[in-house]
Amino acid sequence: MRLRRLLLAVCLLLPAPPAALALPSGVPQAIPALPADFVLTGQFTQGGWLRGTAPKGTTALLLDGKPLALAPDGSFFAAFDRDAGASAELVAQRTGASDLRRVLAIAPRQWQIERVNAPFHPPAMPDADFARIRKAELARIGAARALASDSLGWQQNFAWPLKGALRGRFGSQRIFRGTPAAYHPGLDIAGVQGAPYVAPADGVVTLAAEAPFTLEGNLLIVDHGMGLTSAFLHSSRLAVKVGDHVKQGQLLGWVGMTGRATGPHLHWALKWRDARLDPLLFVVSDH
């Protein structure tokens, strides 16, 4: 009984809740503000890329309505196809807050026309045989690009896999002996037969051709994580195999002219999901 009287006395001495805590009817309670915007860096142009950090509290991230993967620290990677439109919309869906939207202006580019003195496919191969073989090759390439690894190479500043004169430029419209074809999806770097080339960034090997492909020759594909891959074409030999984890600067293979090539060179192509990217926009060191 004495304890109950003591507790009652203490309660009577406590101050009443402040009037400010009572909100008028129809007035929503304020939600603590989250960071105002994304943190973004990159090349905002056709064939370019971006790295970013999502606002705190982001539960899902979308680029033009398609989900992006988020690293545990909130960082992410995305890129823009060679034929990307004039803008892209980045949306962060957040816990306890409205969506945060950012419209990105994507700069257009002018593309060269390149005339190549080579047939579209091996001249001794009938069209039907080429179509059949090519279908199987493209399936292998698609499967290799679809493999996901935990590589963090996408976070790195890319280095040149080979030093040499730049021949075929990314995005150029190509004409093979008078026949228009698709645009050039990579960058051609001149090199002598047998010159070594290295990994431009960390990654995991997802395809290492045991025999030359009809167009790519001895083909190598390396996954850099977050959907970003490098492909290296026309090698004379490869120094790595499927499943190998490679470090930036590690030997990958040797320059050659296997497949559709008029001379020894390294064709380096970058792709993010279905978007084809310009390797020239990734490297930061002098060439």
Protein backbone atom coordinates (compact mmCIF):
# COMPACT_ATOMS: atom_id res chain seq x y z
CA MET A 1 0.00 0.00 0.00
CA ARG A 2 2.80 2.39 0.89
CA LEU A 3 4.52 1.53 -2.45
CA ARG A 4 1.35 2.32 -4.44
CA ARG A 5 1.01 5.73 -2.72
CA LEU A 6 4.69 6.50 -3.49
CA LEU A 7 4.31 5.65 -7.20
CA LEU A 8 1.15 7.79 -7.42
CA ALA A 9 2.99 10.77 -5.92
CA VAL A 10 5.84 10.44 -8.41
CA CYS A 11 3.44 10.33 -11.35
CA LEU A 12 1.72 13.49 -10.19
CA LEU A 13 5.07 15.31 -10.08
CA LEU A 14 6.00 14.40 -13.71
CA PRO A 15 5.44 17.24 -16.25
CA ALA A 16 2.64 16.90 -18.78
CA PRO A 17 3.58 16.05 -22.40
CA PRO A 18 4.36 19.20 -24.39
CA ALA A 19 1.48 20.56 -26.43
CA ALA A 20 3.68 20.56 -29.55
CA LEU A 21 3.43 16.77 -29.75
CA ALA A 22 -0.28 16.98 -30.44
CA LEU A 23 -0.79 17.55 -34.20
CA PRO A 24 -3.91 19.24 -35.58
CA SER A 25 -6.22 16.96 -37.50
CA GLY A 26 -5.20 16.51 -41.15
CA VAL A 27 -1.55 17.68 -40.68
CA PRO A 28 0.92 14.85 -41.51
CA GLN A 29 3.77 14.15 -39.16
CA ALA A 30 7.12 15.28 -40.53
CA ILE A 31 9.52 12.55 -41.79
CA PRO A 32 13.23 13.07 -41.17
CA ALA A 33 14.95 14.29 -44.33
CA LEU A 34 17.20 11.87 -46.26
CA PRO A 35 20.19 12.94 -48.40
CA ALA A 36 18.91 15.16 -51.16
CA ASP A 37 20.47 13.49 -54.18
CA PHE A 38 22.61 10.79 -55.71
CA VAL A 39 26.40 10.96 -55.84
CA LEU A 40 27.31 10.32 -59.49
CA THR A 41 30.46 10.27 -61.62
CA GLY A 42 31.07 9.05 -65.15
CA GLN A 43 30.75 9.79 -68.85
CA PHE A 44 27.17 10.84 -69.61
CA THR A 45 27.20 10.27 -73.35
CA GLN A 46 26.31 7.57 -75.86
CA GLY A 47 28.56 4.59 -75.16
CA GLY A 48 29.40 6.04 -71.73
CA TRP A 49 28.89 4.95 -68.14
CA LEU A 50 28.22 6.05 -64.58
CA ARG A 51 29.21 4.98 -61.10
CA GLY A 52 27.17 6.22 -58.19
CA THR A 53 26.04 5.95 -54.61
CA ALA A 54 22.32 5.78 -53.88
CA PRO A 55 20.72 7.98 -51.20
CA LYS A 56 20.55 6.52 -47.71
CA GLY A 57 17.46 4.40 -47.21
CA THR A 58 17.23 3.30 -50.86
CA THR A 59 15.53 -0.09 -51.12
CA ALA A 60 15.43 -0.33 -54.93
CA LEU A 61 17.10 1.52 -57.77
CA LEU A 62 15.81 1.83 -61.34
CA LEU A 63 17.27 3.15 -64.58
CA ASP A 64 14.56 3.82 -67.15
CA GLY A 65 12.29 1.46 -65.24
CA LYS A 66 14.78 -1.44 -65.11
CA PRO A 67 16.27 -2.48 -61.74
CA LEU A 68 19.94 -1.85 -60.96
CA ALA A 69 22.00 -3.94 -58.57
CA LEU A 70 23.12 -2.22 -55.37
CA ALA A 71 26.34 -3.08 -53.55
CA PRO A 72 26.13 -3.37 -49.73
CA ASP A 73 27.58 0.14 -49.39
CA GLY A 74 24.92 1.59 -51.71
CA SER A 75 27.22 1.94 -54.73
CA PHE A 76 26.13 0.92 -58.23
CA PHE A 77 27.10 0.91 -61.90
CA ALA A 78 25.13 1.64 -65.07
CA ALA A 79 25.91 2.54 -68.66
CA PHE A 80 24.45 3.98 -71.87
CA ASP A 81 24.27 2.18 -75.20
CA ARG A 82 25.85 3.53 -78.37
CA ASP A 83 22.33 4.42 -79.56
CA ALA A 84 21.01 5.69 -76.20
CA GLY A 85 18.43 8.46 -76.28
CA ALA A 86 18.89 12.04 -75.13
CA SER A 87 18.04 11.31 -71.47
CA ALA A 88 17.74 8.57 -68.88
CA GLU A 89 15.82 8.57 -65.61
CA LEU A 90 17.35 7.29 -62.38
CA VAL A 91 14.87 6.50 -59.60
CA ALA A 92 15.61 5.57 -55.98
CA GLN A 93 12.77 3.97 -54.05
CA ARG A 94 13.26 4.72 -50.35
CA THR A 95 11.93 3.54 -47.03
CA GLY A 96 9.58 6.08 -45.45
CA ALA A 97 10.08 8.67 -48.18
CA SER A 98 8.91 9.47 -51.69
CA ASP A 99 10.87 8.25 -54.70
CA LEU A 100 13.89 10.35 -55.60
CA ARG A 101 14.17 10.95 -59.36
CA ARG A 102 17.08 12.25 -61.37
CA VAL A 103 16.93 12.86 -65.13
CA LEU A 104 20.33 12.46 -66.76
CA ALA A 105 21.16 14.25 -70.00
CA ILE A 106 22.96 11.88 -72.40
CA ALA A 107 25.12 13.70 -74.94
CA PRO A 108 24.81 12.53 -78.58
CA ARG A 109 27.87 11.65 -80.67
CA GLN A 110 28.81 11.65 -84.34
CA TRP A 111 29.94 8.30 -85.80
CA GLN A 112 32.52 7.65 -88.49
CA ILE A 113 32.15 5.39 -91.53
CA GLU A 114 34.85 2.72 -91.91
CA ARG A 115 35.47 0.69 -95.06
CA VAL A 116 37.04 -2.70 -94.40
CA ASN A 117 38.77 -4.73 -97.12
CA ALA A 118 37.52 -8.08 -95.87
CA PRO A 119 34.50 -10.30 -96.54
CA PHE A 120 31.67 -10.31 -94.02
CA HIS A 121 32.33 -13.98 -93.24
CA PRO A 122 34.88 -16.60 -94.41
CA PRO A 123 34.48 -16.72 -98.22
CA ALA A 124 34.97 -20.49 -98.43
CA MET A 125 32.03 -21.11 -96.09
CA PRO A 126 28.53 -21.36 -97.60
CA ASP A 127 25.96 -18.96 -96.17
CA ALA A 128 23.87 -21.75 -94.67
CA ASP A 129 26.87 -23.25 -92.87
CA PHE A 130 27.91 -19.84 -91.57
CA ALA A 131 24.40 -19.16 -90.25
CA ARG A 132 24.28 -22.50 -88.45
CA ILE A 133 27.74 -22.16 -86.89
CA ARG A 134 27.17 -18.51 -86.03
CA LYS A 135 23.95 -19.28 -84.16
CA ALA A 136 25.83 -21.67 -81.85
CA GLU A 137 28.66 -19.18 -81.35
CA LEU A 138 26.28 -16.37 -80.43
CA ALA A 139 24.56 -18.66 -77.93
CA ARG A 140 27.91 -19.33 -76.23
CA ILE A 141 28.72 -15.62 -76.15
CA GLY A 142 25.31 -14.78 -74.71
CA ALA A 143 25.63 -17.45 -72.02
CA ALA A 144 29.09 -16.21 -71.05
CA ARG A 145 27.92 -12.60 -70.76
CA ALA A 146 24.95 -13.69 -68.64
CA LEU A 147 27.17 -15.23 -65.97
CA ALA A 148 27.41 -13.02 -62.88
CA SER A 149 30.45 -12.84 -60.63
CA ASP A 150 31.27 -10.97 -57.43
CA SER A 151 34.18 -9.17 -59.08
CA LEU A 152 34.75 -5.54 -58.06
CA GLY A 153 36.55 -4.63 -61.25
CA TRP A 154 33.67 -2.31 -62.17
CA GLN A 155 34.80 -0.01 -59.36
CA GLN A 156 38.30 0.44 -60.78
CA ASN A 157 39.74 2.99 -63.18
CA PHE A 158 40.38 0.89 -66.28
CA ALA A 159 43.86 0.61 -67.79
CA TRP A 160 44.87 -0.10 -71.39
CA PRO A 161 45.12 -3.83 -72.14
CA LEU A 162 47.62 -3.03 -74.90
CA LYS A 163 49.53 0.07 -75.99
CA GLY A 164 49.34 0.71 -79.72
CA ALA A 165 47.84 2.88 -82.44
CA LEU A 166 44.05 3.03 -82.42
CA ARG A 167 42.64 1.70 -85.69
CA GLY A 168 38.95 0.82 -85.73
CA ARG A 169 36.95 3.18 -83.52
CA PHE A 170 33.93 2.23 -81.44
CA GLY A 171 30.56 2.97 -83.00
CA SER A 172 31.76 3.42 -86.58
CA GLN A 173 29.45 2.24 -89.35
CA ARG A 174 31.33 -0.54 -91.15
CA ILE A 175 31.21 -1.48 -94.82
CA PHE A 176 32.80 -4.80 -95.81
CA ARG A 177 33.82 -4.68 -99.47
CA GLY A 178 30.82 -2.55 -100.35
CA THR A 179 28.35 -4.37 -98.11
CA PRO A 180 27.02 -2.29 -95.16
CA ALA A 181 27.13 -4.11 -91.83
CA ALA A 182 26.51 -3.35 -88.16
CA TYR A 183 28.53 -0.68 -86.42
CA HIS A 184 31.92 -1.53 -84.90
CA PRO A 185 31.17 -2.61 -81.31
CA GLY A 186 34.66 -2.18 -79.89
CA LEU A 187 38.06 -0.55 -80.21
CA ASP A 188 40.87 -1.95 -82.39
CA ILE A 189 44.37 -1.53 -81.01
CA ALA A 190 47.26 -2.27 -83.38
CA GLY A 191 49.86 -4.74 -82.14
CA VAL A 192 52.49 -7.06 -83.53
CA GLN A 193 51.77 -10.76 -83.78
CA GLY A 194 52.36 -12.38 -80.39
CA ALA A 195 52.41 -9.15 -78.34
CA PRO A 196 51.02 -9.75 -74.82
CA TYR A 197 47.90 -8.00 -73.60
CA VAL A 198 46.65 -7.68 -70.02
CA ALA A 199 43.47 -7.29 -67.98
CA PRO A 200 42.20 -3.68 -67.93
CA ALA A 201 40.51 -4.36 -64.57
CA ASP A 202 39.88 -7.22 -62.15
CA GLY A 203 37.45 -9.88 -63.30
CA VAL A 204 36.49 -13.51 -63.79
CA VAL A 205 36.95 -15.36 -67.09
CA THR A 206 33.58 -16.56 -68.43
CA LEU A 207 34.63 -17.63 -71.93
CA ALA A 208 37.99 -18.73 -73.31
CA ALA A 209 37.68 -20.21 -76.81
CA GLU A 210 39.23 -23.63 -77.29
CA ALA A 211 39.02 -23.10 -81.07
CA PRO A 212 38.62 -19.91 -83.13
CA PHE A 213 35.14 -18.46 -83.63
CA THR A 214 34.22 -17.57 -87.23
CA LEU A 215 34.43 -13.79 -86.70
CA GLU A 216 36.05 -13.25 -83.27
CA GLY A 217 38.80 -15.85 -83.64
CA ASN A 218 40.24 -16.89 -80.29
CA LEU A 219 37.75 -15.08 -78.08
CA LEU A 220 38.10 -14.21 -74.39
CA ILE A 221 35.37 -12.71 -72.17
CA VAL A 222 36.01 -11.35 -68.67
CA ASP A 223 33.25 -10.36 -66.24
CA HIS A 224 34.05 -7.27 -64.14
CA GLY A 225 30.92 -7.52 -61.97
CA MET A 226 27.63 -5.59 -61.96
CA GLY A 227 26.91 -6.80 -65.52
CA LEU A 228 30.02 -5.19 -67.05
CA THR A 229 32.13 -7.41 -69.34
CA SER A 230 35.19 -7.11 -71.57
CA ALA A 231 35.70 -9.15 -74.73
CA PHE A 232 39.07 -9.59 -76.45
CA LEU A 233 39.10 -10.82 -80.05
CA HIS A 234 41.54 -12.27 -82.60
CA SER A 235 44.11 -13.56 -80.08
CA SER A 236 46.83 -15.89 -81.30
CA ARG A 237 46.76 -17.67 -77.91
CA LEU A 238 45.08 -17.30 -74.53
CA ALA A 239 46.84 -17.40 -71.16
CA VAL A 240 43.77 -17.96 -68.96
CA LYS A 241 40.83 -20.35 -68.76
CA VAL A 242 37.16 -20.22 -67.75
CA GLY A 243 36.75 -19.62 -64.02
CA ASP A 244 40.09 -17.88 -63.53
CA HIS A 245 40.04 -14.77 -61.33
CA VAL A 246 42.30 -12.16 -62.92
CA LYS A 247 43.79 -8.97 -61.54
CA GLN A 248 44.26 -5.68 -63.32
CA GLY A 249 47.49 -5.87 -65.33
CA GLN A 250 47.57 -9.69 -65.39
CA LEU A 251 48.51 -11.40 -68.66
CA LEU A 252 45.42 -12.58 -70.57
CA GLY A 253 46.76 -13.60 -73.97
CA TRP A 254 48.73 -12.68 -77.06
CA VAL A 255 47.76 -10.55 -80.07
CA GLY A 256 46.89 -12.34 -83.28
CA MET A 257 44.71 -12.17 -86.39
CA THR A 258 42.40 -15.16 -85.96
CA GLY A 259 38.81 -14.85 -87.16
CA ARG A 260 37.83 -11.89 -89.36
CA ALA A 261 40.96 -9.74 -89.30
CA THR A 262 43.13 -8.13 -91.96
CA GLY A 263 46.19 -7.95 -89.71
CA PRO A 264 47.31 -8.58 -86.13
CA HIS A 265 45.48 -6.40 -83.61
CA LEU A 266 43.47 -6.56 -80.39
CA HIS A 267 39.76 -5.84 -80.59
CA TRP A 268 38.56 -4.79 -77.12
CA ALA A 269 34.82 -4.53 -76.57
CA LEU A 270 32.93 -3.53 -73.43
CA LYS A 271 29.31 -4.35 -72.72
CA TRP A 272 26.92 -3.69 -69.83
CA ARG A 273 23.85 -5.90 -70.04
CA ASP A 274 22.68 -5.28 -73.64
CA ALA A 275 24.39 -1.89 -73.96
CA ARG A 276 27.57 -1.64 -76.03
CA LEU A 277 30.11 0.80 -74.62
CA ASP A 278 33.12 2.76 -75.82
CA PRO A 279 36.34 1.49 -74.13
CA LEU A 280 37.94 4.87 -74.84
CA LEU A 281 35.59 6.42 -72.25
CA PHE A 282 36.76 4.02 -69.52
CA VAL A 283 40.55 4.39 -69.56
CA VAL A 284 42.21 7.21 -67.64
CA SER A 285 45.91 6.65 -68.42
CA ASP A 286 47.68 8.14 -71.44
CA HIS A 287 47.82 6.03 -74.58
